[in-house]
Amino acid sequence: MKKIISRTCNGFIVFLVFSSMYSRAQTIGGGQIHGNFQMDAQYYLKDSLIGAPDVPEKMLMNGFGNIIYTNGNFNAGLRYESYQNSMLGYPAYKGNGIPYRFASYTNDDLQITIGSFYDQFGSGMIFRTYEDRSLGYDNAMDGFRIKYKPYKGIELKGIIGNQRNYFSKGDGIVRGFDGDFFINDIFGFDEMKTKYTLGGSFVSKYQSSSDPTYKLPKNVGAYAGRLNITRSGFGLMGEYAYKINDPNASNNLIYKNGEGLFISTSYSQKGLGIILSAKRIDNMDFRSDRNASLNSLIINYLPALTKQHTYTLAAMYPYGTQSNGEFGYEGSIMYNIKKGSILGGKYGTKISLNYSLAQAIDKQKINDTIEINTSGTLGYKSDFFKLGDEKYFEDINIEISRKFSKNFKAILTYAYITYNKEIIEGHPGAPSIYANIGIADISYTINSTNTLRVEIQSLMAKQDEKDWAMLLLEYTIAPKWFFSIADLYNYNNPDTGKRFHYYNAALGFTKGTNRIALSYGKQREGITCVGGVCRAVPASNGILLTITSSF
């Protein structure tokens, strides 16, 4: 108990320090200091019925604070992180430290950054570093970056360093170069309505090897080329990436080269928006450590091309990108029905239709022996334009949003999702899931500060845990308070002993840039995905405190 009290007090002390920094002058030596802070602390209760484990510490905590100093062309910052111990679902984080710190200086179109940084080349197919705290994901680079604009319309970038691996760094060295060429600016075609941009990238990772069986390449290179065309409301973007042979734990140590193609086109005008995208990925898992675990030391980013659902039941079966091979398609149409029309009503109606599909690529197994080593193989060959037989994921959904009066608004959503649990979650023999999902999100504004919102959700499936229902009530007193209660109920689980209610109650208070939220409830076991990157979420039961502040 003393440890619990001590850790909680330490968290509040950090919060008070940051708050006091906000209240004091932010100008030092002609520059400014700003940043943000967040602490999540959960007190856990054992709940063997839903599979929530017994937590020896009883309370676990994740926290961080960013401090950034700017003065003219100079910027510097650091992030302190603390996991005492880490909350369930973030097992690789433990302890505390300063894993992110940087300094950068810009002068005459030249910018130099030393230390930690995030960056992206093109769509990210051969290089992207970023952070997503909901996933516990952070693959920041630690090293050296140069950005230079030698001529109008030309932007060049070079990087070298190691990737963050929780509180340490990966052994592999990542080196890269990227260039964007804005054709209209370079040749003085400023008045031309059609705009053209060309881009190219090269990334190489170095990792030594002493494998006694395989002769593994120490240097693995990848390159990509891209084109972007825009004119009025029309846009077209395409990128092709190629990676030389990279035997690793993910692809079962095959020597096949990897490649990826991403194409997206869009059109928009007043009241109408259309987006069509497609991709093909083949053996594009790219890491600075060939033996890294699932979400560690990934150099590139492969978009999922699926809608990022926010409602609980619509997000119950999310898609995780299959880097070893997939075709993906997505199309979206957004249309605003005019105000005053029969269908639009007094305030207009918004309709959004979305469809996405992820499917296997063609793979023809081959029996070969590579001269490099008798244990090596190319693994398979593949017809670039041929689909495989297996469907990984499919989602067709429609959302209708309409304001019926000054006080009353509703959002209605329907989705039909096909989810290949065997492939996405890696459960051999698990049947695919076919789920019908319906959601009604209704808001009623009582007056200028008080709003009541109701969510009614339903998921029906004949597989897995079968049918679910959810009810949420949320009351907001703007701009400071919110209260909510919710119940997620697996009312038709084939195992009658597992027809659980997952209750949750929450309240929050906001003042200026400070926000405090407290909730109590149960969390079901599952997975969460953002942009095709996923994290396993364990079952839990307990009280969660979240404090955020910025200055």
Protein backbone atom coordinates (compact mmCIF):
# COMPACT_ATOMS: atom_id res chain seq x y z
CA MET A 1 0.00 0.00 0.00
CA LYS A 2 2.89 2.39 0.77
CA LYS A 3 4.27 1.80 -2.73
CA ILE A 4 0.89 2.57 -4.27
CA ILE A 5 0.56 5.81 -2.29
CA SER A 6 4.15 6.79 -3.11
CA ARG A 7 3.73 6.24 -6.86
CA THR A 8 0.43 8.12 -6.93
CA CYS A 9 1.99 11.05 -5.06
CA ASN A 10 4.97 11.10 -7.42
CA GLY A 11 2.59 11.33 -10.38
CA PHE A 12 0.72 14.26 -8.86
CA ILE A 13 4.01 16.01 -8.00
CA VAL A 14 5.04 15.82 -11.67
CA PHE A 15 1.61 17.18 -12.61
CA LEU A 16 2.00 20.11 -10.19
CA VAL A 17 5.47 20.89 -11.54
CA PHE A 18 4.15 21.08 -15.09
CA SER A 19 1.15 23.12 -13.98
CA SER A 20 3.42 25.58 -12.15
CA MET A 21 5.56 25.92 -15.27
CA TYR A 22 2.42 26.88 -17.14
CA SER A 23 1.45 29.49 -14.56
CA ARG A 24 4.92 31.09 -14.57
CA ALA A 25 6.49 33.06 -17.40
CA GLN A 26 7.19 30.92 -20.46
CA THR A 27 9.89 33.17 -21.89
CA ILE A 28 13.54 32.36 -21.11
CA GLY A 29 16.46 34.10 -22.75
CA GLY A 30 14.30 35.46 -25.54
CA GLY A 31 12.86 32.02 -26.32
CA GLN A 32 9.71 30.18 -25.29
CA ILE A 33 9.06 26.95 -23.45
CA HIS A 34 5.98 24.86 -24.14
CA GLY A 35 4.97 21.24 -23.81
CA ASN A 36 2.40 18.79 -22.55
CA PHE A 37 1.94 16.15 -19.88
CA GLN A 38 -0.17 13.04 -19.42
CA MET A 39 -0.52 10.44 -16.68
CA ASP A 40 -2.69 7.30 -16.80
CA ALA A 41 -2.95 5.32 -13.58
CA GLN A 42 -5.18 2.29 -13.11
CA TYR A 43 -6.07 0.42 -9.93
CA TYR A 44 -6.79 -3.18 -10.91
CA LEU A 45 -9.32 -5.61 -9.48
CA LYS A 46 -9.02 -9.32 -10.11
CA ASP A 47 -11.89 -10.65 -12.21
CA SER A 48 -11.40 -14.28 -13.17
CA LEU A 49 -14.80 -14.43 -14.91
CA ILE A 50 -13.74 -12.07 -17.72
CA GLY A 51 -10.12 -13.27 -17.60
CA ALA A 52 -8.66 -10.17 -15.90
CA PRO A 53 -5.39 -11.22 -14.21
CA ASP A 54 -4.36 -10.56 -10.66
CA VAL A 55 -1.99 -7.55 -10.64
CA PRO A 56 0.57 -7.84 -7.82
CA GLU A 57 1.21 -4.08 -7.68
CA LYS A 58 -2.57 -3.38 -7.73
CA MET A 59 -1.88 -0.01 -9.39
CA LEU A 60 0.01 0.48 -12.66
CA MET A 61 0.94 3.75 -14.35
CA ASN A 62 2.00 5.16 -17.73
CA GLY A 63 3.12 8.77 -17.89
CA PHE A 64 5.06 11.21 -20.04
CA GLY A 65 5.97 14.87 -20.27
CA ASN A 66 7.28 16.87 -23.25
CA ILE A 67 9.29 20.07 -22.84
CA ILE A 68 10.19 22.06 -25.96
CA TYR A 69 12.26 25.24 -26.12
CA THR A 70 12.18 27.52 -29.20
CA ASN A 71 14.29 30.58 -29.86
CA GLY A 72 14.35 31.92 -33.38
CA ASN A 73 15.81 29.27 -35.65
CA PHE A 74 16.76 27.02 -32.72
CA ASN A 75 14.55 24.28 -31.25
CA ALA A 76 15.32 21.73 -28.56
CA GLY A 77 13.23 19.37 -26.51
CA LEU A 78 12.98 16.20 -24.50
CA ARG A 79 10.35 13.73 -23.36
CA TYR A 80 10.45 12.04 -19.96
CA GLU A 81 8.53 8.76 -19.75
CA SER A 82 7.63 6.67 -16.71
CA TYR A 83 6.07 3.21 -16.44
CA GLN A 84 5.72 2.23 -12.75
CA ASN A 85 5.02 -0.53 -13.74
CA SER A 86 3.41 -0.32 -17.17
CA MET A 87 -0.34 -0.77 -17.49
CA LEU A 88 -1.70 -4.06 -18.81
CA GLY A 89 -1.25 -4.31 -22.57
CA TYR A 90 2.16 -2.57 -22.61
CA PRO A 91 4.40 -5.38 -21.30
CA ALA A 92 7.65 -4.24 -22.93
CA TYR A 93 7.72 -0.88 -21.12
CA LYS A 94 9.16 -0.74 -17.61
CA GLY A 95 10.93 1.90 -15.57
CA ASN A 96 11.56 5.51 -16.53
CA GLY A 97 13.93 7.65 -18.50
CA ILE A 98 14.36 10.19 -21.30
CA PRO A 99 14.17 8.18 -24.54
CA TYR A 100 13.43 11.20 -26.73
CA ARG A 101 15.57 14.36 -26.91
CA PHE A 102 16.58 16.54 -29.81
CA ALA A 103 18.05 19.84 -30.96
CA SER A 104 17.59 21.42 -34.39
CA TYR A 105 18.76 24.57 -36.13
CA THR A 106 17.60 26.15 -39.39
CA ASN A 107 19.60 28.62 -41.45
CA ASP A 108 19.28 29.61 -45.12
CA ASP A 109 17.00 26.70 -46.11
CA LEU A 110 19.23 24.19 -44.28
CA GLN A 111 17.87 22.41 -41.21
CA ILE A 112 19.99 20.11 -39.06
CA THR A 113 18.51 17.89 -36.34
CA ILE A 114 20.51 15.81 -33.90
CA GLY A 115 19.03 13.31 -31.48
CA SER A 116 15.50 11.92 -31.78
CA PHE A 117 13.11 12.66 -34.61
CA TYR A 118 10.09 11.37 -36.51
CA ASP A 119 9.87 11.51 -40.29
CA GLN A 120 8.33 9.92 -43.36
CA PHE A 121 9.34 9.38 -46.99
CA GLY A 122 6.37 9.56 -49.39
CA SER A 123 3.50 7.35 -48.27
CA GLY A 124 5.81 5.60 -45.82
CA MET A 125 6.17 2.27 -47.65
CA ILE A 126 9.94 2.23 -47.15
CA PHE A 127 10.33 4.67 -44.25
CA ARG A 128 8.10 6.11 -41.56
CA THR A 129 8.80 6.75 -37.88
CA TYR A 130 5.97 7.87 -35.62
CA GLU A 131 4.38 7.47 -32.22
CA ASP A 132 0.92 6.18 -31.27
CA ARG A 133 0.38 5.94 -27.53
CA SER A 134 -2.87 3.98 -27.83
CA LEU A 135 -0.82 1.19 -29.43
CA GLY A 136 2.27 1.58 -27.24
CA TYR A 137 4.10 2.13 -30.53
CA ASP A 138 7.16 4.35 -30.95
CA ASN A 139 9.91 3.70 -33.51
CA ALA A 140 11.59 7.12 -33.33
CA MET A 141 14.95 7.54 -34.98
CA ASP A 142 17.94 8.55 -32.88
CA GLY A 143 20.73 10.04 -34.93
CA PHE A 144 21.18 12.79 -37.50
CA ARG A 145 18.86 14.41 -40.06
CA ILE A 146 19.48 17.11 -42.67
CA LYS A 147 16.82 18.93 -44.70
CA TYR A 148 17.89 21.25 -47.50
CA LYS A 149 16.15 23.33 -50.17
CA PRO A 150 18.90 24.10 -52.71
CA TYR A 151 16.55 25.59 -55.29
CA LYS A 152 12.94 26.70 -55.55
CA GLY A 153 10.75 23.59 -55.82
CA ILE A 154 13.39 21.10 -54.61
CA GLU A 155 13.36 19.63 -51.10
CA LEU A 156 16.00 17.12 -50.06
CA LYS A 157 16.33 15.08 -46.90
CA GLY A 158 18.91 12.70 -45.44
CA ILE A 159 18.83 10.58 -42.27
CA ILE A 160 21.04 8.15 -40.36
CA GLY A 161 20.65 6.53 -36.95
CA ASN A 162 19.14 3.76 -34.86
CA GLN A 163 15.52 3.15 -34.00
CA ARG A 164 14.01 3.35 -30.57
CA ASN A 165 13.27 -0.04 -29.01
CA TYR A 166 11.32 0.82 -25.85
CA PHE A 167 14.03 2.17 -23.47
CA SER A 168 16.91 0.99 -25.62
CA LYS A 169 17.85 1.16 -29.32
CA GLY A 170 17.94 -1.43 -32.07
CA ASP A 171 21.29 -2.76 -33.28
CA GLY A 172 20.57 -2.03 -36.92
CA ILE A 173 21.68 1.23 -38.52
CA VAL A 174 19.11 2.94 -40.77
CA ARG A 175 20.27 5.30 -43.53
CA GLY A 176 18.09 7.08 -46.04
CA PHE A 177 17.69 9.82 -48.62
CA ASP A 178 14.50 11.44 -49.93
CA GLY A 179 13.71 14.12 -52.47
CA ASP A 180 10.59 16.00 -53.58
CA PHE A 181 10.56 17.91 -56.87
CA PHE A 182 7.70 20.37 -57.42
CA ILE A 183 7.77 20.57 -61.22
CA ASN A 184 5.66 23.73 -61.60
CA ASP A 185 7.90 25.67 -59.20
CA ILE A 186 11.14 24.43 -60.73
CA PHE A 187 10.21 25.41 -64.29
CA GLY A 188 8.17 28.51 -63.43
CA PHE A 189 4.77 27.12 -64.39
CA ASP A 190 3.09 28.92 -61.51
CA GLU A 191 -0.02 29.80 -63.53
CA MET A 192 -0.64 26.24 -64.69
CA LYS A 193 -3.75 24.76 -63.01
CA THR A 194 -2.39 21.23 -63.05
CA LYS A 195 0.34 20.70 -60.43
CA TYR A 196 2.95 17.93 -60.69
CA THR A 197 5.21 16.59 -57.96
CA LEU A 198 7.82 13.86 -58.35
CA GLY A 199 9.53 12.14 -55.47
CA GLY A 200 12.05 9.41 -54.80
CA SER A 201 13.50 7.66 -51.77
CA PHE A 202 16.21 5.19 -50.83
CA VAL A 203 16.61 3.49 -47.44
CA SER A 204 19.22 1.00 -46.31
CA LYS A 205 19.55 -0.85 -43.03
CA TYR A 206 22.75 -2.47 -41.81
CA GLN A 207 22.80 -5.35 -39.34
CA SER A 208 25.63 -7.79 -38.84
CA SER A 209 24.99 -11.53 -38.80
CA SER A 210 26.75 -14.63 -37.56
CA ASP A 211 24.03 -17.13 -38.38
CA PRO A 212 25.63 -20.58 -38.78
CA THR A 213 23.01 -21.82 -41.27
CA TYR A 214 22.01 -18.86 -43.44
CA LYS A 215 24.20 -16.33 -45.18
CA LEU A 216 22.13 -13.26 -44.33
CA PRO A 217 22.67 -9.91 -46.10
CA LYS A 218 24.20 -7.31 -43.82
CA ASN A 219 22.90 -4.44 -45.94
CA VAL A 220 19.28 -4.44 -47.10
CA GLY A 221 18.20 -1.62 -49.41
CA ALA A 222 14.80 -0.37 -50.50
CA TYR A 223 13.84 2.33 -52.96
CA ALA A 224 10.62 4.01 -54.02
CA GLY A 225 9.36 6.44 -56.64
CA ARG A 226 6.15 8.51 -56.51
CA LEU A 227 4.03 10.90 -58.55
CA ASN A 228 1.38 13.33 -57.38
CA ILE A 229 -0.94 15.24 -59.75
CA THR A 230 -3.59 17.75 -58.64
CA ARG A 231 -5.97 19.98 -60.59
CA SER A 232 -8.84 21.87 -58.99
CA GLY A 233 -10.78 19.20 -57.06
CA PHE A 234 -8.99 16.25 -58.65
CA GLY A 235 -5.98 14.44 -57.20
CA LEU A 236 -3.95 11.38 -58.21
CA MET A 237 -1.11 9.88 -56.20
CA GLY A 238 0.90 6.75 -56.88
CA GLU A 239 4.00 5.18 -55.35
CA TYR A 240 5.97 2.03 -56.13
CA ALA A 241 8.48 0.52 -53.69
CA TYR A 242 11.00 -2.30 -54.06
CA LYS A 243 13.06 -4.02 -51.35
CA ILE A 244 15.92 -6.43 -51.97
CA ASN A 245 15.95 -9.86 -50.32
CA ASP A 246 15.59 -9.58 -46.56
CA PRO A 247 15.32 -12.96 -44.79
CA ASN A 248 13.78 -12.37 -41.35
CA ALA A 249 11.61 -13.94 -38.66
CA SER A 250 8.42 -12.59 -40.26
CA ASN A 251 8.86 -14.14 -43.73
CA ASN A 252 10.38 -17.44 -42.54
CA LEU A 253 13.86 -16.48 -43.78
CA ILE A 254 13.12 -16.53 -47.50
CA TYR A 255 15.30 -14.66 -50.02
CA LYS A 256 12.50 -13.30 -52.18
CA ASN A 257 12.59 -9.57 -52.99
CA GLY A 258 9.70 -7.43 -51.76
CA GLU A 259 7.59 -4.85 -53.54
CA GLY A 260 4.63 -2.58 -52.94
CA LEU A 261 2.32 -0.45 -55.06
CA PHE A 262 -0.06 2.20 -53.70
CA ILE A 263 -2.45 4.28 -55.84
CA SER A 264 -5.06 6.77 -54.68
CA THR A 265 -7.31 9.16 -56.57
CA SER A 266 -9.76 11.70 -55.22
CA TYR A 267 -12.32 14.18 -56.45
CA SER A 268 -14.12 16.87 -54.48
CA GLN A 269 -16.51 19.69 -55.11
CA LYS A 270 -19.08 21.44 -52.96
CA GLY A 271 -21.17 18.74 -51.29
CA LEU A 272 -19.38 15.78 -52.89
CA GLY A 273 -16.18 13.88 -52.18
CA ILE A 274 -14.91 10.64 -53.76
CA ILE A 275 -11.78 8.67 -52.83
CA LEU A 276 -10.60 5.46 -54.51
CA SER A 277 -7.45 3.65 -53.36
CA ALA A 278 -5.70 0.38 -54.10
CA LYS A 279 -2.50 -1.35 -53.04
CA ARG A 280 -0.51 -4.51 -53.50
CA ILE A 281 1.98 -5.61 -50.84
CA ASP A 282 4.38 -8.54 -51.25
CA ASN A 283 7.02 -9.45 -48.65
CA MET A 284 7.43 -5.88 -47.39
CA ASP A 285 8.13 -6.44 -43.70
CA PHE A 286 11.11 -4.13 -43.18
CA ARG A 287 12.84 -3.92 -39.78
CA SER A 288 16.18 -2.71 -38.51
CA ASP A 289 16.42 -5.98 -36.54
CA ARG A 290 15.48 -9.10 -38.51
CA ASN A 291 14.55 -10.91 -35.28
CA ALA A 292 12.43 -8.16 -33.72
CA SER A 293 9.04 -8.92 -32.18
CA LEU A 294 5.69 -8.03 -33.74
CA ASN A 295 5.56 -4.23 -33.31
CA SER A 296 9.26 -3.50 -32.76
CA LEU A 297 11.86 -1.75 -34.91
CA ILE A 298 9.67 -1.48 -38.02
CA ILE A 299 11.21 0.88 -40.57
CA ASN A 300 8.25 1.28 -42.90
CA TYR A 301 4.48 1.77 -42.75
CA LEU A 302 1.93 -0.14 -44.81
CA PRO A 303 -1.54 1.48 -44.73
CA ALA A 304 -4.52 -0.80 -44.16
CA LEU A 305 -6.95 0.90 -46.59
CA THR A 306 -9.88 0.25 -44.28
CA LYS A 307 -12.15 2.66 -42.44
CA GLN A 308 -10.99 3.57 -38.94
CA HIS A 309 -14.19 2.92 -36.99
CA THR A 310 -14.61 4.81 -33.70
CA TYR A 311 -17.77 3.20 -32.32
CA THR A 312 -17.06 0.28 -29.96
CA LEU A 313 -18.89 -2.52 -31.78
CA ALA A 314 -17.91 -1.33 -35.27
CA ALA A 315 -14.28 -1.43 -34.08
CA MET A 316 -14.55 -4.86 -32.45
CA TYR A 317 -13.07 -6.60 -35.51
CA PRO A 318 -10.35 -4.26 -36.86
CA TYR A 319 -7.94 -5.10 -39.65
CA GLY A 320 -4.18 -5.53 -39.30
CA THR A 321 -2.05 -5.12 -42.44
CA GLN A 322 -0.51 -8.36 -43.73
CA SER A 323 3.01 -7.28 -44.71
CA ASN A 324 3.87 -10.66 -46.28
CA GLY A 325 1.21 -10.32 -48.97
CA GLU A 326 -2.14 -8.68 -49.60
CA PHE A 327 -4.26 -6.84 -52.15
CA GLY A 328 -6.24 -3.95 -50.71
CA TYR A 329 -9.01 -1.74 -52.10
CA GLU A 330 -11.01 1.09 -50.59
CA GLY A 331 -13.61 3.47 -51.92
CA SER A 332 -15.50 6.27 -50.17
CA ILE A 333 -18.26 8.60 -51.28
CA MET A 334 -19.32 11.54 -49.14
CA TYR A 335 -22.41 13.48 -50.24
CA ASN A 336 -24.26 16.38 -48.64
CA ILE A 337 -27.96 16.58 -49.54
CA LYS A 338 -28.92 20.23 -49.86
CA LYS A 339 -30.79 22.11 -47.17
CA GLY A 340 -34.46 22.64 -47.86
CA SER A 341 -34.85 19.59 -50.11
CA ILE A 342 -37.21 16.70 -49.32
CA LEU A 343 -34.35 14.39 -48.32
CA GLY A 344 -32.09 17.10 -46.94
CA GLY A 345 -34.58 18.67 -44.59
CA LYS A 346 -34.18 22.08 -43.02
CA TYR A 347 -30.52 21.60 -42.08
CA GLY A 348 -29.27 19.20 -44.77
CA THR A 349 -28.22 15.56 -44.57
CA LYS A 350 -24.76 14.01 -44.87
CA ILE A 351 -24.30 10.53 -46.32
CA SER A 352 -21.03 8.60 -46.31
CA LEU A 353 -20.62 5.24 -48.07
CA ASN A 354 -17.42 3.24 -47.65
CA TYR A 355 -16.20 -0.12 -48.97
CA SER A 356 -12.90 -1.87 -48.34
CA LEU A 357 -11.48 -5.30 -49.16
CA ALA A 358 -8.22 -7.05 -48.24
CA GLN A 359 -7.37 -10.28 -49.99
CA ALA A 360 -4.46 -12.66 -50.41
CA ILE A 361 -2.06 -12.26 -53.32
CA ASP A 362 -1.28 -15.12 -55.66
CA LYS A 363 1.48 -17.34 -54.23
CA GLN A 364 2.90 -20.32 -56.07
CA LYS A 365 5.28 -22.32 -53.90
CA ILE A 366 8.55 -23.25 -55.54
CA ASN A 367 11.22 -25.78 -54.66
CA ASP A 368 14.56 -24.14 -55.23
CA THR A 369 18.05 -23.92 -53.79
CA ILE A 370 19.89 -20.63 -53.83
CA GLU A 371 23.59 -20.62 -54.64
CA ILE A 372 24.19 -18.39 -51.63
CA ASN A 373 23.46 -21.23 -49.26
CA THR A 374 21.86 -24.66 -49.52
CA SER A 375 19.41 -23.70 -46.77
CA GLY A 376 18.12 -20.62 -48.62
CA THR A 377 15.01 -20.44 -50.77
CA LEU A 378 12.99 -17.83 -52.62
CA GLY A 379 9.88 -19.33 -51.01
CA TYR A 380 7.31 -18.63 -53.75
CA LYS A 381 6.62 -16.78 -56.95
CA SER A 382 3.66 -14.52 -57.55
CA ASP A 383 1.72 -13.13 -60.51
CA PHE A 384 1.61 -9.38 -59.81
CA PHE A 385 -1.97 -8.83 -60.97
CA LYS A 386 -3.51 -12.09 -59.77
CA LEU A 387 -5.60 -12.30 -56.62
CA GLY A 388 -5.20 -15.13 -54.15
CA ASP A 389 -8.14 -17.28 -53.11
CA GLU A 390 -8.40 -16.20 -49.47
CA LYS A 391 -10.32 -13.15 -48.28
CA TYR A 392 -8.79 -11.47 -45.23
CA PHE A 393 -11.22 -8.64 -44.54
CA GLU A 394 -14.22 -6.87 -46.05
CA ASP A 395 -16.19 -3.91 -44.77
CA ILE A 396 -19.17 -2.19 -46.36
CA ASN A 397 -20.67 0.61 -44.29
CA ILE A 398 -22.96 3.58 -44.60
CA GLU A 399 -23.34 6.55 -42.27
CA ILE A 400 -26.19 9.06 -42.36
CA SER A 401 -25.95 12.24 -40.30
CA ARG A 402 -28.89 14.58 -39.99
CA LYS A 403 -29.85 17.54 -37.83
CA PHE A 404 -33.61 17.50 -37.33
CA SER A 405 -33.85 20.70 -35.29
CA LYS A 406 -31.65 23.16 -33.44
CA ASN A 407 -31.60 20.75 -30.52
CA PHE A 408 -31.81 17.29 -32.05
CA LYS A 409 -29.21 15.47 -34.17
CA ALA A 410 -28.73 11.81 -35.12
CA ILE A 411 -26.01 9.72 -36.77
CA LEU A 412 -27.08 6.30 -38.07
CA THR A 413 -24.48 3.72 -39.09
CA TYR A 414 -24.69 0.26 -40.60
CA ALA A 415 -21.69 -1.98 -41.35
CA TYR A 416 -21.26 -5.50 -42.64
CA ILE A 417 -17.80 -6.88 -41.82
CA THR A 418 -16.07 -10.09 -42.87
CA TYR A 419 -13.15 -10.88 -40.57
CA ASN A 420 -10.65 -13.69 -41.14
CA LYS A 421 -9.66 -14.39 -37.54
CA GLU A 422 -7.19 -17.13 -38.51
CA ILE A 423 -5.07 -14.73 -40.59
CA ILE A 424 -5.52 -11.43 -38.71
CA GLU A 425 -5.12 -12.78 -35.17
CA GLY A 426 -3.06 -15.87 -36.00
CA HIS A 427 -5.49 -18.47 -34.60
CA PRO A 428 -5.17 -21.61 -36.77
CA GLY A 429 -8.52 -23.13 -37.66
CA ALA A 430 -10.60 -20.20 -36.41
CA PRO A 431 -13.64 -19.58 -38.67
CA SER A 432 -14.14 -16.29 -40.47
CA ILE A 433 -16.62 -13.95 -38.78
CA TYR A 434 -19.53 -12.28 -40.59
CA ALA A 435 -20.91 -9.42 -38.50
CA ASN A 436 -23.89 -7.10 -39.02
CA ILE A 437 -23.50 -3.89 -37.01
CA GLY A 438 -26.07 -1.16 -36.45
CA ILE A 439 -25.49 2.07 -34.50
CA ALA A 440 -27.68 5.03 -33.54
CA ASP A 441 -25.88 8.07 -32.09
CA ILE A 442 -28.45 10.61 -30.90
CA SER A 443 -27.69 14.03 -29.39
CA TYR A 444 -30.10 16.45 -27.73
CA THR A 445 -28.97 19.95 -26.84
CA ILE A 446 -30.92 21.10 -23.79
CA ASN A 447 -29.46 24.61 -23.77
CA SER A 448 -26.22 26.39 -24.67
CA THR A 449 -24.17 24.39 -22.13
CA ASN A 450 -26.05 21.12 -21.50
CA THR A 451 -26.14 18.21 -23.98
CA LEU A 452 -27.37 14.63 -23.65
CA ARG A 453 -26.02 12.00 -26.03
CA VAL A 454 -27.19 8.39 -26.41
CA GLU A 455 -25.45 5.58 -28.29
CA ILE A 456 -27.35 2.38 -29.09
CA GLN A 457 -25.21 -0.30 -30.74
CA SER A 458 -25.83 -3.84 -31.92
CA LEU A 459 -23.55 -6.51 -33.40
CA MET A 460 -24.96 -9.79 -34.68
CA ALA A 461 -22.81 -12.71 -35.85
CA LYS A 462 -23.17 -16.48 -35.96
CA GLN A 463 -19.47 -17.05 -35.22
CA ASP A 464 -17.01 -16.27 -32.42
CA GLU A 465 -18.80 -14.73 -29.40
CA LYS A 466 -21.95 -14.10 -31.47
CA ASP A 467 -24.25 -11.20 -30.54
CA TRP A 468 -23.42 -8.03 -28.63
CA ALA A 469 -25.37 -4.95 -27.55
CA MET A 470 -24.19 -1.66 -26.12
CA LEU A 471 -25.90 1.33 -24.54
CA LEU A 472 -24.08 4.56 -23.63
CA LEU A 473 -25.46 7.70 -21.99
CA GLU A 474 -23.30 10.83 -21.93
CA TYR A 475 -24.14 14.16 -20.33
CA THR A 476 -22.00 17.23 -21.01
CA ILE A 477 -21.99 20.53 -19.16
CA ALA A 478 -19.83 22.71 -21.41
CA PRO A 479 -17.10 23.69 -21.16
CA LYS A 480 -15.99 21.89 -17.98
CA TRP A 481 -17.85 18.68 -17.12
CA PHE A 482 -18.86 15.41 -18.72
CA PHE A 483 -20.46 12.26 -17.26
CA SER A 484 -21.11 8.91 -18.92
CA ILE A 485 -22.33 5.40 -18.18
CA ALA A 486 -22.18 2.43 -20.56
CA ASP A 487 -22.91 -1.27 -20.70
CA LEU A 488 -21.43 -3.63 -23.28
CA TYR A 489 -23.30 -6.94 -23.11
CA ASN A 490 -22.40 -10.22 -24.83
CA TYR A 491 -25.97 -11.49 -24.50
CA ASN A 492 -25.77 -14.43 -26.92
CA ASN A 493 -22.35 -15.92 -26.23
CA PRO A 494 -22.52 -19.66 -27.09
CA ASP A 495 -20.97 -20.31 -23.66
CA THR A 496 -23.78 -19.20 -21.33
CA GLY A 497 -21.25 -18.77 -18.52
CA LYS A 498 -19.55 -15.99 -20.50
CA ARG A 499 -22.54 -13.75 -21.17
CA PHE A 500 -20.93 -10.85 -19.36
CA HIS A 501 -21.86 -7.21 -18.84
CA TYR A 502 -18.89 -4.87 -19.31
CA TYR A 503 -20.00 -1.84 -17.30
CA ASN A 504 -18.23 1.51 -17.38
CA ALA A 505 -18.87 4.84 -15.64
CA ALA A 506 -16.80 7.97 -16.17
CA LEU A 507 -16.60 11.64 -15.31
CA GLY A 508 -14.26 14.36 -16.42
CA PHE A 509 -13.38 17.96 -15.63
CA THR A 510 -11.65 20.45 -17.93
CA LYS A 511 -10.25 23.84 -17.02
CA GLY A 512 -8.16 25.68 -19.55
CA THR A 513 -5.60 23.21 -20.87
CA ASN A 514 -5.91 20.89 -17.86
CA ARG A 515 -8.17 17.84 -17.98
CA ILE A 516 -8.86 15.18 -15.35
CA ALA A 517 -10.95 12.06 -16.06
CA LEU A 518 -11.89 9.23 -13.72
CA SER A 519 -13.60 6.02 -14.76
CA TYR A 520 -14.51 2.63 -13.36
CA GLY A 521 -15.34 -0.39 -15.47
CA LYS A 522 -14.47 -3.62 -17.19
CA GLN A 523 -12.52 -4.02 -20.44
CA ARG A 524 -13.06 -7.02 -22.70
CA GLU A 525 -10.10 -8.89 -24.15
CA GLY A 526 -9.48 -8.17 -27.82
CA ILE A 527 -7.26 -6.24 -30.22
CA THR A 528 -7.12 -2.61 -31.21
CA CYS A 529 -5.73 -1.41 -34.55
CA VAL A 530 -4.84 2.04 -35.83
CA GLY A 531 -3.99 2.31 -39.52
CA GLY A 532 -3.35 -1.42 -39.77
CA VAL A 533 -0.96 -1.61 -36.77
CA CYS A 534 -2.44 -3.61 -33.89
CA ARG A 535 -2.04 -4.23 -30.17
CA ALA A 536 -3.49 -7.00 -28.02
CA VAL A 537 -5.77 -5.61 -25.30
CA PRO A 538 -6.04 -7.82 -22.20
CA ALA A 539 -9.19 -8.07 -20.09
CA SER A 540 -9.20 -5.75 -17.08
CA ASN A 541 -11.38 -4.47 -14.27
CA GLY A 542 -10.61 -1.39 -12.23
CA ILE A 543 -10.44 2.36 -11.73
CA LEU A 544 -8.62 4.54 -14.27
CA LEU A 545 -7.37 8.07 -13.63
CA THR A 546 -6.14 10.22 -16.53
CA ILE A 547 -4.60 13.67 -16.15
CA THR A 548 -3.50 15.79 -19.12
CA SER A 549 -2.12 19.30 -19.32
CA SER A 550 -0.38 21.51 -21.85
CA PHE A 551 1.44 24.80 -21.57
